């Protein structure tokens, strides 16, 4: 990276048992972030993770875990509704919420 007269070099280290060349390994790393980024986007946008004001002790971590559980339950539900619509429907309908949890 170069900014004006200053030139910097960044080095990243990875631990793996994979025997691959740099091109294959770089593709694997980018592929991992291709999976990781949509998860965080869904947590932020659909579940409101970034807007949470809970910062005390381990409350933020506990609520993030609960949000992950909810997302997994919504994904298991077979209807074609979006995650946001499933979330809304679960907040309105006791039977839909029970179906999410117990089926």
N, C-alpha and C. Protein backbone atom coordinates (compact mmCIF):
# COMPACT_ATOMS: atom_id res chain seq x y z
N UNK A 1 0.86 -1.18 0.00
CA UNK A 1 0.00 0.00 0.00
C UNK A 1 0.90 1.24 0.00
N UNK A 2 0.56 2.24 -0.77
CA UNK A 2 1.36 3.44 -0.83
C UNK A 2 0.46 4.66 -0.67
N UNK A 3 0.85 5.52 0.27
CA UNK A 3 0.16 6.80 0.48
C UNK A 3 1.21 7.89 0.41
N UNK A 4 1.19 8.65 -0.66
CA UNK A 4 2.21 9.69 -0.86
C UNK A 4 3.58 9.05 -1.01
N UNK A 5 4.51 9.47 -0.17
CA UNK A 5 5.87 8.93 -0.21
C UNK A 5 6.01 7.68 0.66
N UNK A 6 5.02 7.40 1.50
CA UNK A 6 5.11 6.28 2.44
C UNK A 6 4.58 5.01 1.80
N UNK A 7 5.40 3.98 1.86
CA UNK A 7 5.02 2.68 1.32
C UNK A 7 5.03 1.67 2.46
N UNK A 8 3.93 0.91 2.59
CA UNK A 8 3.85 -0.09 3.65
C UNK A 8 3.58 -1.46 3.05
N UNK A 9 4.00 -2.47 3.77
CA UNK A 9 3.77 -3.85 3.39
C UNK A 9 3.09 -4.54 4.55
N UNK A 10 1.99 -5.24 4.28
CA UNK A 10 1.29 -5.99 5.31
C UNK A 10 1.54 -7.47 5.12
N UNK A 11 1.77 -8.16 6.21
CA UNK A 11 1.97 -9.61 6.18
C UNK A 11 0.93 -10.25 7.06
N UNK A 12 0.28 -11.28 6.54
CA UNK A 12 -0.70 -12.03 7.32
C UNK A 12 -0.22 -13.46 7.43
N UNK A 13 -0.39 -14.01 8.61
CA UNK A 13 0.05 -15.37 8.86
C UNK A 13 -1.16 -16.26 9.10
N UNK A 14 -1.16 -17.45 8.52
CA UNK A 14 -2.23 -18.42 8.69
C UNK A 14 -1.61 -19.75 9.09
N UNK A 15 -2.30 -20.45 9.95
CA UNK A 15 -1.86 -21.78 10.34
C UNK A 15 -2.80 -22.78 9.68
N UNK A 16 -2.23 -23.70 8.93
CA UNK A 16 -3.06 -24.69 8.24
C UNK A 16 -2.24 -25.95 7.97
N UNK A 17 -2.94 -27.03 7.81
CA UNK A 17 -2.27 -28.27 7.40
C UNK A 17 -2.42 -28.48 5.90
N UNK A 18 -3.08 -27.54 5.25
CA UNK A 18 -3.33 -27.62 3.81
C UNK A 18 -2.03 -27.34 3.04
N UNK A 19 -1.72 -28.20 2.11
CA UNK A 19 -0.56 -27.98 1.25
C UNK A 19 -1.07 -27.42 -0.07
N UNK A 20 -1.06 -26.10 -0.18
CA UNK A 20 -1.59 -25.46 -1.38
C UNK A 20 -0.68 -24.30 -1.77
N UNK A 21 -0.73 -23.93 -3.03
CA UNK A 21 0.05 -22.76 -3.45
C UNK A 21 -0.70 -21.49 -3.04
N UNK A 22 -0.05 -20.37 -3.20
CA UNK A 22 -0.60 -19.09 -2.73
C UNK A 22 -1.93 -18.76 -3.42
N UNK A 23 -2.04 -19.05 -4.70
CA UNK A 23 -3.27 -18.71 -5.44
C UNK A 23 -4.47 -19.51 -4.91
N UNK A 24 -4.29 -20.82 -4.70
CA UNK A 24 -5.36 -21.67 -4.18
C UNK A 24 -5.72 -21.26 -2.76
N UNK A 25 -4.70 -20.99 -1.94
CA UNK A 25 -4.94 -20.61 -0.55
C UNK A 25 -5.67 -19.26 -0.48
N UNK A 26 -5.26 -18.30 -1.30
CA UNK A 26 -5.94 -16.99 -1.32
C UNK A 26 -7.40 -17.15 -1.70
N UNK A 27 -7.69 -18.03 -2.65
CA UNK A 27 -9.08 -18.28 -3.03
C UNK A 27 -9.88 -18.87 -1.89
N UNK A 28 -9.25 -19.76 -1.12
CA UNK A 28 -9.94 -20.35 0.04
C UNK A 28 -10.23 -19.31 1.10
N UNK A 29 -9.29 -18.41 1.35
CA UNK A 29 -9.50 -17.34 2.34
C UNK A 29 -10.62 -16.41 1.90
N UNK A 30 -10.60 -16.00 0.63
CA UNK A 30 -11.67 -15.14 0.12
C UNK A 30 -13.01 -15.85 0.16
N UNK A 31 -13.02 -17.15 -0.14
CA UNK A 31 -14.25 -17.92 -0.08
C UNK A 31 -14.82 -17.97 1.32
N UNK A 32 -13.94 -18.06 2.33
CA UNK A 32 -14.41 -18.06 3.72
C UNK A 32 -15.11 -16.75 4.04
N UNK A 33 -14.53 -15.63 3.62
CA UNK A 33 -15.16 -14.34 3.91
C UNK A 33 -16.43 -14.16 3.10
N UNK A 34 -16.55 -14.83 1.98
CA UNK A 34 -17.80 -14.80 1.21
C UNK A 34 -18.95 -15.43 1.98
N UNK A 35 -18.63 -16.37 2.86
CA UNK A 35 -19.64 -16.98 3.73
C UNK A 35 -19.83 -16.13 4.97
N UNK A 36 -18.75 -15.64 5.53
CA UNK A 36 -18.78 -14.91 6.80
C UNK A 36 -19.52 -13.57 6.69
N UNK A 37 -19.28 -12.82 5.62
CA UNK A 37 -19.88 -11.49 5.50
C UNK A 37 -21.40 -11.50 5.44
N UNK A 38 -22.06 -12.39 4.67
CA UNK A 38 -23.53 -12.40 4.69
C UNK A 38 -24.10 -12.73 6.07
N UNK A 39 -23.40 -13.58 6.84
CA UNK A 39 -23.86 -13.88 8.19
C UNK A 39 -23.90 -12.61 9.03
N UNK A 40 -22.82 -11.84 8.99
CA UNK A 40 -22.78 -10.62 9.78
C UNK A 40 -23.76 -9.58 9.27
N UNK A 41 -23.94 -9.53 7.95
CA UNK A 41 -24.92 -8.60 7.40
C UNK A 41 -26.31 -8.94 7.92
N UNK A 42 -26.64 -10.24 7.92
CA UNK A 42 -27.97 -10.64 8.40
C UNK A 42 -28.11 -10.37 9.89
N UNK A 43 -27.06 -10.59 10.65
CA UNK A 43 -27.13 -10.28 12.08
C UNK A 43 -27.35 -8.78 12.28
N UNK A 44 -26.66 -7.96 11.50
CA UNK A 44 -26.77 -6.51 11.66
C UNK A 44 -28.11 -5.98 11.17
N UNK A 45 -28.51 -6.37 9.97
CA UNK A 45 -29.70 -5.79 9.35
C UNK A 45 -30.99 -6.43 9.88
N UNK A 46 -31.08 -7.74 9.83
CA UNK A 46 -32.32 -8.42 10.20
C UNK A 46 -32.51 -8.50 11.71
N UNK A 47 -31.43 -8.81 12.42
CA UNK A 47 -31.55 -9.03 13.85
C UNK A 47 -31.17 -7.80 14.69
N UNK A 48 -30.68 -6.74 14.06
CA UNK A 48 -30.37 -5.50 14.77
C UNK A 48 -29.19 -5.61 15.73
N UNK A 49 -28.21 -6.43 15.40
CA UNK A 49 -27.09 -6.67 16.30
C UNK A 49 -26.28 -5.40 16.56
N UNK A 50 -26.02 -4.60 15.53
CA UNK A 50 -25.22 -3.39 15.71
C UNK A 50 -25.95 -2.29 16.45
N UNK A 51 -27.27 -2.30 16.43
CA UNK A 51 -28.02 -1.24 17.11
C UNK A 51 -28.26 -1.54 18.58
N UNK A 52 -27.85 -2.72 19.02
CA UNK A 52 -28.03 -3.08 20.42
C UNK A 52 -27.22 -2.15 21.32
N UNK A 53 -27.85 -1.67 22.36
CA UNK A 53 -27.18 -0.76 23.29
C UNK A 53 -26.65 -1.51 24.52
N UNK A 54 -26.78 -2.80 24.53
CA UNK A 54 -26.33 -3.60 25.67
C UNK A 54 -24.83 -3.81 25.56
N UNK A 55 -24.09 -3.27 26.49
CA UNK A 55 -22.63 -3.35 26.46
C UNK A 55 -22.06 -3.85 27.79
N UNK A 56 -22.88 -3.98 28.81
CA UNK A 56 -22.40 -4.29 30.16
C UNK A 56 -22.09 -5.78 30.30
N UNK A 57 -20.97 -6.08 30.92
CA UNK A 57 -20.52 -7.45 31.19
C UNK A 57 -20.60 -8.31 29.93
N UNK A 58 -21.22 -9.47 30.02
CA UNK A 58 -21.27 -10.37 28.87
C UNK A 58 -22.64 -10.36 28.20
N UNK A 59 -23.45 -9.36 28.48
CA UNK A 59 -24.80 -9.28 27.91
C UNK A 59 -24.81 -9.24 26.40
N UNK A 60 -23.88 -8.51 25.79
CA UNK A 60 -23.84 -8.42 24.32
C UNK A 60 -23.56 -9.79 23.71
N UNK A 61 -22.64 -10.52 24.30
CA UNK A 61 -22.32 -11.86 23.80
C UNK A 61 -23.48 -12.83 23.94
N UNK A 62 -24.18 -12.73 25.07
CA UNK A 62 -25.34 -13.60 25.30
C UNK A 62 -26.43 -13.30 24.28
N UNK A 63 -26.72 -12.02 24.05
CA UNK A 63 -27.75 -11.67 23.07
C UNK A 63 -27.35 -12.04 21.64
N UNK A 64 -26.08 -11.93 21.31
CA UNK A 64 -25.62 -12.36 19.99
C UNK A 64 -25.84 -13.86 19.82
N UNK A 65 -25.57 -14.63 20.86
CA UNK A 65 -25.81 -16.07 20.81
C UNK A 65 -27.29 -16.37 20.61
N UNK A 66 -28.15 -15.65 21.31
CA UNK A 66 -29.59 -15.83 21.15
C UNK A 66 -30.01 -15.48 19.72
N UNK A 67 -29.44 -14.41 19.16
CA UNK A 67 -29.76 -14.03 17.78
C UNK A 67 -29.32 -15.12 16.80
N UNK A 68 -28.16 -15.73 17.04
CA UNK A 68 -27.70 -16.84 16.18
C UNK A 68 -28.67 -18.01 16.26
N UNK A 69 -29.13 -18.33 17.45
CA UNK A 69 -30.09 -19.42 17.62
C UNK A 69 -31.37 -19.11 16.85
N UNK A 70 -31.86 -17.89 16.98
CA UNK A 70 -33.08 -17.48 16.27
C UNK A 70 -32.89 -17.57 14.77
N UNK A 71 -31.74 -17.11 14.26
CA UNK A 71 -31.49 -17.20 12.82
C UNK A 71 -31.49 -18.66 12.37
N UNK A 72 -30.89 -19.54 13.15
CA UNK A 72 -30.89 -20.96 12.79
C UNK A 72 -32.30 -21.53 12.79
N UNK A 73 -33.13 -21.14 13.75
CA UNK A 73 -34.52 -21.60 13.78
C UNK A 73 -35.28 -21.08 12.57
N UNK A 74 -35.07 -19.81 12.21
CA UNK A 74 -35.74 -19.24 11.04
C UNK A 74 -35.30 -19.95 9.76
N UNK A 75 -34.02 -20.29 9.65
CA UNK A 75 -33.53 -20.97 8.46
C UNK A 75 -34.10 -22.38 8.32
N UNK A 76 -34.33 -23.05 9.45
CA UNK A 76 -34.90 -24.40 9.43
C UNK A 76 -36.36 -24.41 9.00
N UNK A 77 -37.06 -23.32 9.24
CA UNK A 77 -38.49 -23.23 8.91
C UNK A 77 -38.62 -23.26 7.40
N UNK A 78 -39.45 -24.19 6.85
CA UNK A 78 -39.43 -24.45 5.41
C UNK A 78 -40.14 -23.44 4.51
N UNK A 79 -40.89 -22.49 5.04
CA UNK A 79 -41.61 -21.57 4.16
C UNK A 79 -40.63 -20.69 3.39
N UNK A 80 -41.12 -20.06 2.35
CA UNK A 80 -40.29 -19.20 1.49
C UNK A 80 -40.27 -17.75 1.97
N UNK A 81 -40.76 -17.49 3.18
CA UNK A 81 -40.74 -16.14 3.71
C UNK A 81 -39.31 -15.68 3.96
N UNK A 82 -39.09 -14.38 3.87
CA UNK A 82 -37.77 -13.84 4.18
C UNK A 82 -37.53 -13.95 5.69
N UNK A 83 -36.28 -13.81 6.09
CA UNK A 83 -35.94 -13.89 7.50
C UNK A 83 -36.67 -12.79 8.29
N UNK A 84 -36.75 -11.59 7.73
CA UNK A 84 -37.44 -10.49 8.41
C UNK A 84 -38.93 -10.81 8.60
N UNK A 85 -39.55 -11.41 7.59
CA UNK A 85 -40.98 -11.75 7.70
C UNK A 85 -41.20 -12.89 8.69
N UNK A 86 -40.28 -13.85 8.73
CA UNK A 86 -40.39 -14.92 9.72
C UNK A 86 -40.24 -14.36 11.13
N UNK A 87 -39.33 -13.43 11.29
CA UNK A 87 -39.12 -12.79 12.60
C UNK A 87 -40.40 -12.06 13.03
N UNK A 88 -40.98 -11.31 12.12
CA UNK A 88 -42.21 -10.57 12.42
C UNK A 88 -43.35 -11.53 12.73
N UNK A 89 -43.49 -12.59 11.92
CA UNK A 89 -44.57 -13.56 12.13
C UNK A 89 -44.40 -14.26 13.48
N UNK A 90 -43.16 -14.57 13.86
CA UNK A 90 -42.91 -15.22 15.15
C UNK A 90 -43.28 -14.29 16.31
N UNK A 91 -43.14 -12.99 16.12
CA UNK A 91 -43.51 -12.07 17.19
C UNK A 91 -45.02 -11.93 17.33
N UNK A 92 -45.78 -12.21 16.27
CA UNK A 92 -47.24 -12.07 16.29
C UNK A 92 -47.97 -13.36 16.61
N UNK A 93 -47.41 -14.49 16.22
CA UNK A 93 -48.16 -15.74 16.26
C UNK A 93 -47.54 -16.73 17.24
N UNK A 94 -48.30 -17.06 18.28
CA UNK A 94 -47.81 -18.06 19.24
C UNK A 94 -47.62 -19.42 18.58
N UNK A 95 -48.52 -19.80 17.68
CA UNK A 95 -48.42 -21.11 17.05
C UNK A 95 -47.21 -21.19 16.11
N UNK A 96 -46.94 -20.10 15.36
CA UNK A 96 -45.76 -20.09 14.48
C UNK A 96 -44.48 -20.17 15.31
N UNK A 97 -44.44 -19.41 16.40
CA UNK A 97 -43.27 -19.41 17.28
C UNK A 97 -43.07 -20.80 17.89
N UNK A 98 -44.15 -21.44 18.33
CA UNK A 98 -44.04 -22.79 18.90
C UNK A 98 -43.57 -23.77 17.84
N UNK A 99 -44.08 -23.61 16.62
CA UNK A 99 -43.65 -24.48 15.52
C UNK A 99 -42.16 -24.32 15.24
N UNK A 100 -41.66 -23.08 15.29
CA UNK A 100 -40.22 -22.83 15.09
C UNK A 100 -39.38 -23.55 16.14
N UNK A 101 -39.81 -23.46 17.37
CA UNK A 101 -39.00 -23.97 18.49
C UNK A 101 -39.09 -25.47 18.62
N UNK A 102 -40.29 -26.03 18.48
CA UNK A 102 -40.50 -27.43 18.84
C UNK A 102 -40.53 -28.41 17.66
N UNK A 103 -40.45 -27.92 16.43
CA UNK A 103 -40.46 -28.88 15.32
C UNK A 103 -39.09 -29.11 14.77
